[in-house]
Amino acid sequence: MRWFPWATCSPVRAEAVAALALALAVLPARAAVTCGAYDMALSLGTYDGFNAAPADSSGVLVVTCSRNGGPRTTAVTLSIGPSQHTGGVATRALRHASNTDLLNYNLYRDASRLQVWGNTPGINTLTQSITLDNRTSGTLTFTIFGRIDAGQDVRPGAYADRLRITVSF
């Protein structure tokens, strides 16, 4: 993943740079199994308003779990909260660093970008199971797929959004 802290503009091409700041919350369900993840920044890349195709990207969040007693298999659910700028998960937007321009995007659970990632358990979250021997640890990898919609007329510059990711187990 590459993140560009600024974008440039030429007479024939305007580019916007998009980045997300993702805050993590970890909600433990059992004292015998603990899971955690670290802060993650996902770059949505450079957006070219003249490109007819959407700008696709992806990032990975690694969750580490440890077991000291309790059940051998634990379900770990990842949810991603609403956009700071739209208040929703069905539509999210990045905001320009110094003006009110918004750049529409979303995050998905699948590579075909059909399943929006949200925060309603059993509806738009993703759950994986991890099986651990006692007194061991292991990792789960969650891939987050991003897409900035094509055909948006926005000013060049840096765009960002802030989301909360919750890991529950």
Foldseek 3Di string as FASTA:
>chain_A
DDFDQKFDDDPVWFKAWEKEWEAEAEAEDDPQKDKDWDTDMDTLGIDTQVDQAKRKDKDKTKMKMAGADDDQKDKKKKAKAAWPVPRHQVWHWWQFPPDGDTFIKFKAQDPVRPQGGHHDPPHRIDMDMDGHDHGDMDMDMGMIMMITHHNDDDGGIYTYIYMYMYMYD
